[in-house]
N, C-alpha and C. Protein backbone atom coordinates (compact mmCIF):
# COMPACT_ATOMS: atom_id res chain seq x y z
N MET A 1 51.38 -87.53 42.80
CA MET A 1 51.71 -86.53 41.79
C MET A 1 50.47 -85.74 41.40
N GLY A 2 49.35 -86.41 41.18
CA GLY A 2 48.12 -85.73 40.78
C GLY A 2 47.59 -84.80 41.87
N ALA A 3 47.71 -85.24 43.14
CA ALA A 3 47.23 -84.41 44.25
C ALA A 3 48.08 -83.16 44.41
N SER A 4 49.41 -83.31 44.25
CA SER A 4 50.27 -82.13 44.39
C SER A 4 50.03 -81.15 43.25
N LEU A 5 49.76 -81.65 42.07
CA LEU A 5 49.45 -80.77 40.94
C LEU A 5 48.13 -80.03 41.19
N LEU A 6 47.15 -80.75 41.71
CA LEU A 6 45.87 -80.13 42.01
C LEU A 6 46.01 -79.06 43.10
N ILE A 7 46.81 -79.33 44.11
CA ILE A 7 47.03 -78.36 45.18
C ILE A 7 47.74 -77.13 44.65
N SER A 8 48.76 -77.33 43.83
CA SER A 8 49.48 -76.17 43.28
C SER A 8 48.56 -75.35 42.36
N LEU A 9 47.72 -76.02 41.59
CA LEU A 9 46.78 -75.28 40.75
C LEU A 9 45.77 -74.51 41.59
N LEU A 10 45.34 -75.09 42.69
CA LEU A 10 44.41 -74.42 43.60
C LEU A 10 45.06 -73.18 44.21
N ILE A 11 46.31 -73.29 44.62
CA ILE A 11 47.03 -72.15 45.20
C ILE A 11 47.19 -71.04 44.17
N ILE A 12 47.55 -71.40 42.96
CA ILE A 12 47.72 -70.40 41.90
C ILE A 12 46.40 -69.72 41.59
N SER A 13 45.31 -70.50 41.54
CA SER A 13 44.02 -69.89 41.23
C SER A 13 43.55 -68.97 42.37
N LEU A 14 43.82 -69.34 43.63
CA LEU A 14 43.48 -68.47 44.75
C LEU A 14 44.29 -67.18 44.70
N PHE A 15 45.56 -67.31 44.35
CA PHE A 15 46.41 -66.13 44.19
C PHE A 15 45.87 -65.22 43.10
N HIS A 16 45.46 -65.82 42.00
CA HIS A 16 44.90 -65.05 40.88
C HIS A 16 43.61 -64.34 41.30
N LEU A 17 42.72 -65.05 41.98
CA LEU A 17 41.46 -64.46 42.42
C LEU A 17 41.68 -63.34 43.44
N ALA A 18 42.67 -63.52 44.31
CA ALA A 18 42.93 -62.50 45.33
C ALA A 18 43.39 -61.20 44.70
N TYR A 19 44.22 -61.28 43.68
CA TYR A 19 44.73 -60.07 43.06
C TYR A 19 43.82 -59.52 41.98
N SER A 20 42.98 -60.34 41.39
CA SER A 20 42.07 -59.82 40.37
C SER A 20 40.86 -59.14 40.99
N SER A 21 40.53 -59.48 42.23
CA SER A 21 39.37 -58.88 42.88
C SER A 21 39.74 -57.63 43.67
N ALA A 22 41.03 -57.30 43.75
CA ALA A 22 41.44 -56.11 44.49
C ALA A 22 40.94 -54.86 43.78
N SER A 23 40.67 -53.82 44.60
CA SER A 23 40.17 -52.58 44.00
C SER A 23 41.27 -51.94 43.18
N PRO A 24 40.94 -51.42 42.00
CA PRO A 24 41.97 -50.84 41.15
C PRO A 24 42.47 -49.52 41.71
N LEU A 25 43.73 -49.28 41.52
CA LEU A 25 44.36 -48.03 41.93
C LEU A 25 44.01 -46.95 40.93
N PRO A 26 43.68 -45.74 41.39
CA PRO A 26 43.34 -44.68 40.44
C PRO A 26 44.51 -44.39 39.50
N LEU A 27 44.20 -44.01 38.28
CA LEU A 27 45.21 -43.68 37.30
C LEU A 27 46.08 -42.55 37.83
N GLY A 28 47.39 -42.73 37.73
CA GLY A 28 48.34 -41.70 38.14
C GLY A 28 48.73 -41.75 39.60
N ALA A 29 48.15 -42.66 40.37
CA ALA A 29 48.48 -42.78 41.79
C ALA A 29 49.65 -43.73 41.99
N HIS A 30 50.47 -43.46 42.97
CA HIS A 30 51.62 -44.31 43.30
C HIS A 30 51.10 -45.61 43.92
N PRO A 31 51.71 -46.77 43.62
CA PRO A 31 51.25 -48.05 44.16
C PRO A 31 51.24 -48.10 45.69
N LEU A 32 52.09 -47.34 46.34
CA LEU A 32 52.11 -47.33 47.80
C LEU A 32 50.89 -46.62 48.39
N ASP A 33 50.15 -45.90 47.56
CA ASP A 33 48.94 -45.19 48.01
C ASP A 33 47.68 -46.02 47.84
N GLU A 34 47.80 -47.32 47.53
CA GLU A 34 46.64 -48.15 47.27
C GLU A 34 45.69 -48.18 48.47
N LYS A 35 46.21 -48.37 49.67
CA LYS A 35 45.36 -48.41 50.86
C LYS A 35 44.71 -47.05 51.11
N PHE A 36 45.40 -45.98 50.75
CA PHE A 36 44.88 -44.63 50.94
C PHE A 36 43.58 -44.43 50.17
N TYR A 37 43.51 -44.99 48.96
CA TYR A 37 42.34 -44.79 48.08
C TYR A 37 41.26 -45.87 48.25
N GLN A 38 41.40 -46.78 49.21
CA GLN A 38 40.43 -47.87 49.34
C GLN A 38 39.15 -47.48 50.07
N SER A 39 39.21 -46.55 51.01
CA SER A 39 38.00 -46.21 51.76
C SER A 39 37.03 -45.41 50.89
N GLU A 40 35.78 -45.38 51.29
CA GLU A 40 34.75 -44.69 50.51
C GLU A 40 34.89 -43.17 50.62
N VAL A 41 35.21 -42.67 51.81
CA VAL A 41 35.46 -41.24 52.02
C VAL A 41 36.95 -41.09 52.30
N ILE A 42 37.61 -40.28 51.50
CA ILE A 42 39.07 -40.14 51.56
C ILE A 42 39.41 -38.71 51.97
N LYS A 43 40.38 -38.58 52.86
CA LYS A 43 40.80 -37.27 53.31
C LYS A 43 42.00 -36.83 52.47
N CYS A 44 42.04 -35.56 52.10
CA CYS A 44 43.19 -35.03 51.37
C CYS A 44 44.46 -35.27 52.19
N LYS A 45 45.57 -35.50 51.52
CA LYS A 45 46.81 -35.77 52.23
C LYS A 45 47.25 -34.61 53.11
N ASP A 46 46.89 -33.40 52.74
CA ASP A 46 47.24 -32.26 53.58
C ASP A 46 46.23 -32.05 54.70
N GLY A 47 45.16 -32.87 54.75
CA GLY A 47 44.18 -32.81 55.83
C GLY A 47 43.15 -31.70 55.69
N SER A 48 43.15 -30.97 54.59
CA SER A 48 42.28 -29.80 54.45
C SER A 48 40.82 -30.16 54.19
N LYS A 49 40.54 -31.20 53.42
CA LYS A 49 39.18 -31.56 53.03
C LYS A 49 39.05 -33.07 52.93
N SER A 50 37.83 -33.52 52.66
CA SER A 50 37.56 -34.93 52.38
C SER A 50 36.80 -35.02 51.07
N PHE A 51 36.89 -36.17 50.42
CA PHE A 51 36.19 -36.39 49.16
C PHE A 51 35.81 -37.85 49.06
N THR A 52 34.87 -38.16 48.17
CA THR A 52 34.43 -39.54 47.98
C THR A 52 35.14 -40.16 46.78
N LYS A 53 35.02 -41.48 46.66
CA LYS A 53 35.70 -42.19 45.57
C LYS A 53 35.27 -41.69 44.19
N ASP A 54 34.01 -41.30 44.05
CA ASP A 54 33.55 -40.86 42.74
C ASP A 54 34.12 -39.50 42.34
N GLN A 55 34.80 -38.82 43.25
CA GLN A 55 35.43 -37.54 42.93
C GLN A 55 36.89 -37.70 42.51
N ILE A 56 37.40 -38.93 42.51
CA ILE A 56 38.78 -39.17 42.08
C ILE A 56 38.84 -39.05 40.56
N ASN A 57 39.79 -38.28 40.08
CA ASN A 57 40.02 -38.08 38.64
C ASN A 57 38.76 -37.62 37.91
N ASP A 58 37.98 -36.73 38.53
CA ASP A 58 36.80 -36.18 37.87
C ASP A 58 37.08 -34.84 37.19
N ASN A 59 38.35 -34.49 37.13
CA ASN A 59 38.82 -33.26 36.46
C ASN A 59 38.38 -31.99 37.19
N PHE A 60 38.11 -32.11 38.49
CA PHE A 60 37.81 -30.96 39.34
C PHE A 60 38.66 -31.07 40.60
N CYS A 61 39.44 -30.05 40.89
CA CYS A 61 40.39 -30.08 41.99
C CYS A 61 39.67 -29.82 43.32
N ASP A 62 39.42 -30.90 44.09
CA ASP A 62 38.79 -30.78 45.40
C ASP A 62 39.82 -30.54 46.50
N CYS A 63 41.01 -31.11 46.36
CA CYS A 63 42.08 -30.97 47.35
C CYS A 63 43.15 -30.02 46.81
N PRO A 64 43.57 -29.07 47.61
CA PRO A 64 44.62 -28.15 47.14
C PRO A 64 45.94 -28.86 46.82
N ASP A 65 46.19 -30.01 47.47
CA ASP A 65 47.43 -30.74 47.22
C ASP A 65 47.33 -31.70 46.03
N GLY A 66 46.16 -31.82 45.41
CA GLY A 66 45.99 -32.66 44.24
C GLY A 66 45.75 -34.12 44.53
N THR A 67 45.46 -34.48 45.76
CA THR A 67 45.24 -35.87 46.15
C THR A 67 44.11 -36.52 45.36
N ASP A 68 43.05 -35.77 45.07
CA ASP A 68 41.89 -36.34 44.40
C ASP A 68 42.04 -36.41 42.89
N GLU A 69 43.09 -35.82 42.34
CA GLU A 69 43.28 -35.79 40.88
C GLU A 69 44.68 -36.29 40.48
N PRO A 70 45.02 -37.55 40.80
CA PRO A 70 46.34 -38.01 40.41
C PRO A 70 46.48 -38.27 38.90
N GLY A 71 45.36 -38.44 38.20
CA GLY A 71 45.41 -38.78 36.78
C GLY A 71 44.94 -37.70 35.85
N THR A 72 44.72 -36.47 36.35
CA THR A 72 44.29 -35.37 35.49
C THR A 72 45.18 -34.16 35.72
N SER A 73 44.96 -33.14 34.92
CA SER A 73 45.74 -31.90 35.07
C SER A 73 44.96 -30.83 35.83
N ALA A 74 43.92 -31.22 36.57
CA ALA A 74 43.05 -30.26 37.25
C ALA A 74 43.74 -29.53 38.41
N CYS A 75 44.65 -30.22 39.11
CA CYS A 75 45.31 -29.61 40.27
C CYS A 75 46.77 -29.31 39.97
N PRO A 76 47.16 -28.04 40.00
CA PRO A 76 48.56 -27.69 39.69
C PRO A 76 49.56 -28.27 40.68
N ALA A 77 49.14 -28.55 41.91
CA ALA A 77 50.07 -29.07 42.92
C ALA A 77 50.19 -30.59 42.89
N GLY A 78 49.41 -31.27 42.06
CA GLY A 78 49.42 -32.73 42.02
C GLY A 78 50.64 -33.30 41.32
N LYS A 79 50.76 -34.62 41.40
CA LYS A 79 51.82 -35.36 40.71
C LYS A 79 51.20 -36.59 40.05
N PHE A 80 51.64 -36.89 38.84
CA PHE A 80 51.19 -38.07 38.11
C PHE A 80 52.31 -39.10 38.16
N TYR A 81 51.98 -40.33 38.54
CA TYR A 81 52.98 -41.39 38.64
C TYR A 81 52.95 -42.28 37.40
N CYS A 82 54.06 -42.33 36.69
CA CYS A 82 54.21 -43.24 35.54
C CYS A 82 54.79 -44.55 36.07
N LYS A 83 54.06 -45.65 35.91
CA LYS A 83 54.58 -46.94 36.37
C LYS A 83 55.77 -47.38 35.53
N ASN A 84 55.66 -47.20 34.21
CA ASN A 84 56.75 -47.54 33.29
C ASN A 84 57.33 -48.93 33.55
N VAL A 85 56.48 -49.94 33.62
CA VAL A 85 56.92 -51.30 33.88
C VAL A 85 57.90 -51.72 32.79
N GLY A 86 59.08 -52.15 33.18
CA GLY A 86 60.13 -52.51 32.25
C GLY A 86 61.15 -51.40 32.09
N SER A 87 60.90 -50.27 32.71
CA SER A 87 61.79 -49.13 32.65
C SER A 87 61.78 -48.44 34.02
N THR A 88 62.15 -47.19 34.06
CA THR A 88 62.23 -46.46 35.32
C THR A 88 60.94 -45.69 35.59
N PRO A 89 60.29 -45.94 36.73
CA PRO A 89 59.09 -45.15 37.05
C PRO A 89 59.46 -43.70 37.33
N LYS A 90 58.50 -42.80 37.13
CA LYS A 90 58.78 -41.40 37.41
C LYS A 90 57.49 -40.64 37.67
N PHE A 91 57.65 -39.44 38.25
CA PHE A 91 56.52 -38.54 38.50
C PHE A 91 56.54 -37.44 37.45
N LEU A 92 55.33 -37.00 37.07
CA LEU A 92 55.19 -35.89 36.12
C LEU A 92 54.38 -34.78 36.77
N PHE A 93 54.63 -33.56 36.33
CA PHE A 93 53.79 -32.45 36.73
C PHE A 93 52.45 -32.59 36.00
N PRO A 94 51.38 -32.10 36.60
CA PRO A 94 50.06 -32.26 35.97
C PRO A 94 49.94 -31.59 34.60
N SER A 95 50.74 -30.60 34.33
CA SER A 95 50.68 -29.93 33.03
C SER A 95 51.09 -30.86 31.89
N ARG A 96 51.74 -31.96 32.21
CA ARG A 96 52.18 -32.91 31.18
C ARG A 96 51.17 -34.02 30.92
N ILE A 97 50.06 -34.02 31.64
CA ILE A 97 49.03 -35.04 31.45
C ILE A 97 48.12 -34.60 30.31
N ASN A 98 47.89 -35.48 29.36
CA ASN A 98 47.02 -35.23 28.20
C ASN A 98 47.42 -33.97 27.43
N ASP A 99 48.74 -33.78 27.27
CA ASP A 99 49.24 -32.63 26.51
C ASP A 99 49.64 -33.02 25.09
N GLN A 100 49.25 -34.23 24.67
CA GLN A 100 49.51 -34.79 23.35
C GLN A 100 50.99 -35.08 23.11
N ILE A 101 51.75 -35.23 24.20
CA ILE A 101 53.16 -35.65 24.14
C ILE A 101 53.30 -36.84 25.09
N CYS A 102 53.82 -37.94 24.59
CA CYS A 102 53.97 -39.15 25.40
C CYS A 102 55.19 -39.01 26.30
N ASP A 103 54.97 -38.61 27.54
CA ASP A 103 56.07 -38.43 28.48
C ASP A 103 56.43 -39.72 29.20
N CYS A 104 55.46 -40.57 29.48
CA CYS A 104 55.69 -41.87 30.11
C CYS A 104 55.93 -42.88 28.99
N CYS A 105 56.92 -43.76 29.18
CA CYS A 105 57.18 -44.73 28.11
C CYS A 105 56.04 -45.74 27.99
N ASP A 106 55.19 -45.86 29.02
CA ASP A 106 54.03 -46.75 28.91
C ASP A 106 52.81 -46.04 28.35
N GLY A 107 52.91 -44.73 28.11
CA GLY A 107 51.82 -43.96 27.51
C GLY A 107 50.68 -43.64 28.44
N SER A 108 50.84 -43.90 29.73
CA SER A 108 49.73 -43.70 30.67
C SER A 108 49.38 -42.24 30.89
N ASP A 109 50.28 -41.33 30.57
CA ASP A 109 49.99 -39.90 30.78
C ASP A 109 49.05 -39.34 29.71
N GLU A 110 48.87 -40.04 28.61
CA GLU A 110 47.96 -39.61 27.54
C GLU A 110 46.76 -40.55 27.54
N ASN A 111 45.82 -40.30 28.44
CA ASN A 111 44.71 -41.24 28.65
C ASN A 111 43.36 -40.73 28.17
N ASP A 112 43.33 -39.58 27.50
CA ASP A 112 42.03 -39.06 27.04
C ASP A 112 41.64 -39.57 25.66
N GLY A 113 42.49 -40.34 25.01
CA GLY A 113 42.17 -40.93 23.72
C GLY A 113 42.52 -40.09 22.51
N THR A 114 43.04 -38.87 22.71
CA THR A 114 43.38 -38.04 21.55
C THR A 114 44.70 -38.45 20.93
N VAL A 115 45.59 -39.04 21.72
CA VAL A 115 46.89 -39.50 21.23
C VAL A 115 47.06 -40.95 21.65
N ILE A 116 47.54 -41.78 20.75
CA ILE A 116 47.82 -43.17 21.07
C ILE A 116 49.33 -43.31 21.24
N CYS A 117 49.74 -43.60 22.46
CA CYS A 117 51.16 -43.78 22.77
C CYS A 117 51.48 -45.26 22.82
N LEU A 118 52.49 -45.66 22.09
CA LEU A 118 52.94 -47.04 22.15
C LEU A 118 53.72 -47.27 23.43
N ASN A 119 53.61 -48.46 23.99
CA ASN A 119 54.38 -48.81 25.18
C ASN A 119 55.80 -49.17 24.74
N THR A 120 56.73 -48.26 24.98
CA THR A 120 58.12 -48.49 24.60
C THR A 120 58.99 -48.88 25.77
N CYS A 121 58.40 -49.12 26.94
CA CYS A 121 59.19 -49.45 28.13
C CYS A 121 59.98 -50.74 27.94
N ILE A 122 59.32 -51.78 27.49
CA ILE A 122 59.99 -53.07 27.34
C ILE A 122 60.95 -53.05 26.17
N MET A 123 60.63 -52.30 25.13
CA MET A 123 61.50 -52.23 23.96
C MET A 123 62.72 -51.35 24.21
N GLY A 124 62.76 -50.64 25.28
CA GLY A 124 63.91 -49.79 25.56
C GLY A 124 63.52 -48.60 26.38
N GLY A 125 62.46 -47.91 26.00
CA GLY A 125 62.00 -46.76 26.75
C GLY A 125 63.11 -45.82 27.13
N THR A 126 63.48 -45.81 28.40
CA THR A 126 64.56 -44.96 28.86
C THR A 126 65.86 -45.75 28.99
N VAL A 127 65.87 -46.98 28.49
CA VAL A 127 67.06 -47.81 28.57
C VAL A 127 67.81 -47.72 27.26
N ALA A 128 69.12 -47.50 27.32
CA ALA A 128 69.93 -47.49 26.11
C ALA A 128 70.16 -48.93 25.71
N TYR A 129 69.43 -49.40 24.70
CA TYR A 129 69.50 -50.82 24.35
C TYR A 129 70.19 -51.08 23.04
N ASP A 130 70.59 -50.05 22.31
CA ASP A 130 71.19 -50.32 21.01
C ASP A 130 72.67 -50.67 21.10
N SER A 131 73.35 -50.42 22.20
CA SER A 131 74.72 -50.88 22.36
C SER A 131 74.99 -51.09 23.83
N LEU A 132 75.90 -52.00 24.14
CA LEU A 132 76.19 -52.30 25.53
C LEU A 132 76.98 -51.19 26.20
N ASN A 133 77.88 -50.56 25.51
CA ASN A 133 78.66 -49.47 26.07
C ASN A 133 78.36 -48.19 25.32
N TYR A 134 77.25 -47.62 25.61
CA TYR A 134 76.83 -46.39 24.96
C TYR A 134 77.62 -45.24 25.55
N ARG A 135 78.22 -44.43 24.70
CA ARG A 135 79.00 -43.29 25.19
C ARG A 135 78.32 -42.01 24.75
N SER A 136 78.23 -41.09 25.67
CA SER A 136 77.71 -39.79 25.32
C SER A 136 78.68 -38.72 25.80
N THR A 137 78.64 -37.59 25.17
CA THR A 137 79.52 -36.50 25.53
C THR A 137 78.70 -35.40 26.18
N ILE A 138 79.15 -34.96 27.32
CA ILE A 138 78.45 -33.91 28.05
C ILE A 138 79.39 -32.73 28.23
N ARG A 139 78.87 -31.54 28.00
CA ARG A 139 79.68 -30.34 28.22
C ARG A 139 79.44 -29.83 29.64
N HIS A 140 80.53 -29.58 30.34
CA HIS A 140 80.46 -28.99 31.67
C HIS A 140 81.03 -27.59 31.60
N GLN A 141 80.33 -26.62 32.15
CA GLN A 141 80.82 -25.25 32.19
C GLN A 141 81.61 -25.08 33.48
N SER A 142 82.78 -24.56 33.37
CA SER A 142 83.59 -24.27 34.55
C SER A 142 84.27 -22.93 34.34
N SER A 143 84.96 -22.47 35.36
CA SER A 143 85.64 -21.18 35.25
C SER A 143 86.76 -21.23 34.22
N ALA A 144 87.32 -22.40 33.99
CA ALA A 144 88.39 -22.53 33.01
C ALA A 144 87.85 -22.65 31.59
N GLY A 145 86.57 -22.68 31.43
CA GLY A 145 85.97 -22.82 30.10
C GLY A 145 85.22 -24.12 29.98
N ALA A 146 84.78 -24.38 28.78
CA ALA A 146 84.01 -25.60 28.54
C ALA A 146 84.95 -26.77 28.37
N ARG A 147 84.69 -27.86 29.05
CA ARG A 147 85.48 -29.08 28.88
C ARG A 147 84.52 -30.23 28.60
N ARG A 148 85.02 -31.21 27.91
CA ARG A 148 84.19 -32.36 27.56
C ARG A 148 84.59 -33.56 28.42
N THR A 149 83.59 -34.28 28.87
CA THR A 149 83.83 -35.51 29.61
C THR A 149 82.99 -36.60 28.98
N LYS A 150 83.52 -37.81 29.00
CA LYS A 150 82.81 -38.97 28.46
C LYS A 150 82.11 -39.69 29.60
N VAL A 151 80.88 -40.09 29.35
CA VAL A 151 80.09 -40.80 30.35
C VAL A 151 79.75 -42.17 29.77
N ASN A 152 80.12 -43.22 30.50
CA ASN A 152 79.77 -44.58 30.08
C ASN A 152 78.47 -44.97 30.75
N ILE A 153 77.54 -45.45 29.98
CA ILE A 153 76.29 -45.94 30.53
C ILE A 153 76.38 -47.46 30.50
N ASN A 154 76.42 -48.06 31.68
CA ASN A 154 76.54 -49.51 31.78
C ASN A 154 75.16 -50.12 31.66
N SER A 155 74.96 -50.91 30.64
CA SER A 155 73.63 -51.47 30.38
C SER A 155 73.47 -52.87 30.95
N GLU A 156 74.46 -53.37 31.70
CA GLU A 156 74.33 -54.72 32.25
C GLU A 156 73.14 -54.80 33.20
N ASP A 157 72.96 -53.78 34.04
CA ASP A 157 71.82 -53.78 34.96
C ASP A 157 70.52 -53.73 34.17
N SER A 158 70.48 -52.93 33.13
CA SER A 158 69.28 -52.81 32.32
C SER A 158 68.95 -54.12 31.62
N LEU A 159 70.00 -54.79 31.12
CA LEU A 159 69.77 -56.07 30.46
C LEU A 159 69.26 -57.11 31.45
N GLY A 160 69.79 -57.07 32.68
CA GLY A 160 69.31 -57.98 33.72
C GLY A 160 67.84 -57.75 34.02
N LYS A 161 67.44 -56.48 34.07
CA LYS A 161 66.04 -56.15 34.31
C LYS A 161 65.17 -56.64 33.16
N LEU A 162 65.64 -56.48 31.93
CA LEU A 162 64.86 -56.91 30.77
C LEU A 162 64.72 -58.44 30.74
N LYS A 163 65.80 -59.15 31.13
CA LYS A 163 65.71 -60.61 31.19
C LYS A 163 64.73 -61.05 32.26
N GLY A 164 64.76 -60.37 33.40
CA GLY A 164 63.80 -60.67 34.46
C GLY A 164 62.38 -60.39 34.01
N LEU A 165 62.20 -59.33 33.24
CA LEU A 165 60.88 -58.99 32.73
C LEU A 165 60.39 -60.04 31.74
N LYS A 166 61.32 -60.57 30.95
CA LYS A 166 60.96 -61.63 30.00
C LYS A 166 60.51 -62.88 30.76
N THR A 167 61.21 -63.20 31.85
CA THR A 167 60.83 -64.34 32.68
C THR A 167 59.46 -64.11 33.29
N LEU A 168 59.22 -62.90 33.76
CA LEU A 168 57.92 -62.56 34.35
C LEU A 168 56.80 -62.71 33.33
N ALA A 169 57.02 -62.24 32.11
CA ALA A 169 56.02 -62.36 31.06
C ALA A 169 55.73 -63.83 30.75
N THR A 170 56.77 -64.66 30.72
CA THR A 170 56.60 -66.10 30.48
C THR A 170 55.78 -66.73 31.59
N LEU A 171 56.06 -66.35 32.84
CA LEU A 171 55.29 -66.89 33.96
C LEU A 171 53.83 -66.45 33.91
N GLN A 172 53.59 -65.22 33.47
CA GLN A 172 52.22 -64.75 33.35
C GLN A 172 51.45 -65.54 32.30
N VAL A 173 52.09 -65.83 31.18
CA VAL A 173 51.44 -66.63 30.14
C VAL A 173 51.14 -68.03 30.67
N ALA A 174 52.10 -68.61 31.40
CA ALA A 174 51.88 -69.94 31.98
C ALA A 174 50.73 -69.91 32.97
N LEU A 175 50.65 -68.86 33.77
CA LEU A 175 49.56 -68.73 34.74
C LEU A 175 48.21 -68.62 34.05
N ILE A 176 48.16 -67.88 32.97
CA ILE A 176 46.91 -67.75 32.22
C ILE A 176 46.48 -69.09 31.65
N ILE A 177 47.42 -69.84 31.12
CA ILE A 177 47.11 -71.17 30.57
C ILE A 177 46.59 -72.08 31.67
N ILE A 178 47.20 -72.03 32.85
CA ILE A 178 46.77 -72.88 33.96
C ILE A 178 45.37 -72.49 34.41
N VAL A 179 45.10 -71.20 34.51
CA VAL A 179 43.77 -70.75 34.95
C VAL A 179 42.71 -71.17 33.95
N VAL A 180 43.00 -71.05 32.66
CA VAL A 180 42.04 -71.48 31.64
C VAL A 180 41.82 -72.98 31.73
N ALA A 181 42.89 -73.74 31.96
CA ALA A 181 42.75 -75.19 32.08
C ALA A 181 41.92 -75.55 33.30
N ILE A 182 42.10 -74.83 34.40
CA ILE A 182 41.33 -75.11 35.62
C ILE A 182 39.86 -74.83 35.37
N ARG A 183 39.57 -73.77 34.68
CA ARG A 183 38.17 -73.42 34.44
C ARG A 183 37.49 -74.40 33.48
N LYS A 184 38.25 -74.96 32.54
CA LYS A 184 37.65 -75.88 31.58
C LYS A 184 37.57 -77.31 32.13
N PHE A 185 38.48 -77.69 33.04
CA PHE A 185 38.50 -79.06 33.56
C PHE A 185 37.20 -79.43 34.27
N PRO A 186 36.66 -78.62 35.20
CA PRO A 186 35.39 -79.02 35.84
C PRO A 186 34.23 -79.14 34.85
N ARG A 187 34.24 -78.35 33.80
CA ARG A 187 33.17 -78.43 32.80
C ARG A 187 33.20 -79.78 32.09
N ARG A 188 34.39 -80.27 31.79
CA ARG A 188 34.50 -81.56 31.12
C ARG A 188 34.04 -82.69 32.03
N VAL A 189 34.38 -82.60 33.33
CA VAL A 189 33.96 -83.63 34.27
C VAL A 189 32.45 -83.65 34.38
N ARG A 190 31.84 -82.45 34.49
CA ARG A 190 30.39 -82.37 34.58
C ARG A 190 29.73 -82.89 33.31
N ALA A 191 30.30 -82.60 32.16
CA ALA A 191 29.74 -83.05 30.89
C ALA A 191 29.79 -84.58 30.80
N ARG A 192 30.87 -85.17 31.30
CA ARG A 192 30.98 -86.64 31.26
C ARG A 192 29.99 -87.29 32.20
N ARG A 193 29.73 -86.63 33.34
CA ARG A 193 28.75 -87.19 34.30
C ARG A 193 27.36 -87.16 33.72
N ARG A 194 27.02 -86.14 32.96
CA ARG A 194 25.68 -86.00 32.38
C ARG A 194 25.47 -86.96 31.23
N HIS A 195 26.49 -87.16 30.42
CA HIS A 195 26.39 -87.99 29.23
C HIS A 195 27.40 -89.13 29.28
N PRO A 196 27.14 -90.17 30.09
CA PRO A 196 28.10 -91.29 30.13
C PRO A 196 28.07 -92.05 28.82
N ARG A 197 29.19 -92.59 28.47
CA ARG A 197 29.31 -93.32 27.19
C ARG A 197 28.91 -94.74 27.32
C-alpha cells in the first residue's frame, strides 16, 4: 500500500512538473497555437515576415495578419482568443482589447490594469443559470410582418459542464495538497536524520 501511494504521488508530481515548466502561451493566442509560439524566431502565419519572441504582444504590428499581437489592439487583422474556462470560448476583434469593457467573461481582454474584470465564467458568464428552462422571445421579420417565436434554452448541458468544472476544481485542490505534502515529507525525513531523538 505504501509503495503504490508513493508511486502515484511520484507520477502526479512528474505530471505537475511537466506542465508547470512548459512555456506559457502568449496572451490572446489560441491553445492550438502553442507549438507555433515555442521557437525563438517565429514566422508570420501568412508567411510575409519573421519576428522574435520578444516582439510578441509588444504593441507594434510586425505581421500584417496580426500573428505577433494576439493580446493587443496593434494589428487590425488580428484576433484575440478568450479562453472563458467554465463558459464558451470566443474570438474578439482587436478593437475590443483594453477598451474598458469586459467582453470576455474571464476578463482576459482587459489586461492593461485600467479596468478590473471579475471572472464570471464559472458563476454563469454566458450560461443562463438563473432558471432551468429560460424562455426568451425573439422577433423575426418576414414578408407577412413581425411574428414572435419562443426559444427554449436547455441548461442541462450547461449544468453538466458546471458540475464537471466543480469536479476539476476539487481535483486541482487535491493535487495542490499532495504536491505540498510531497515537498514537506523529504524535509521532515532529513530533519529526523540530523536530530535523532
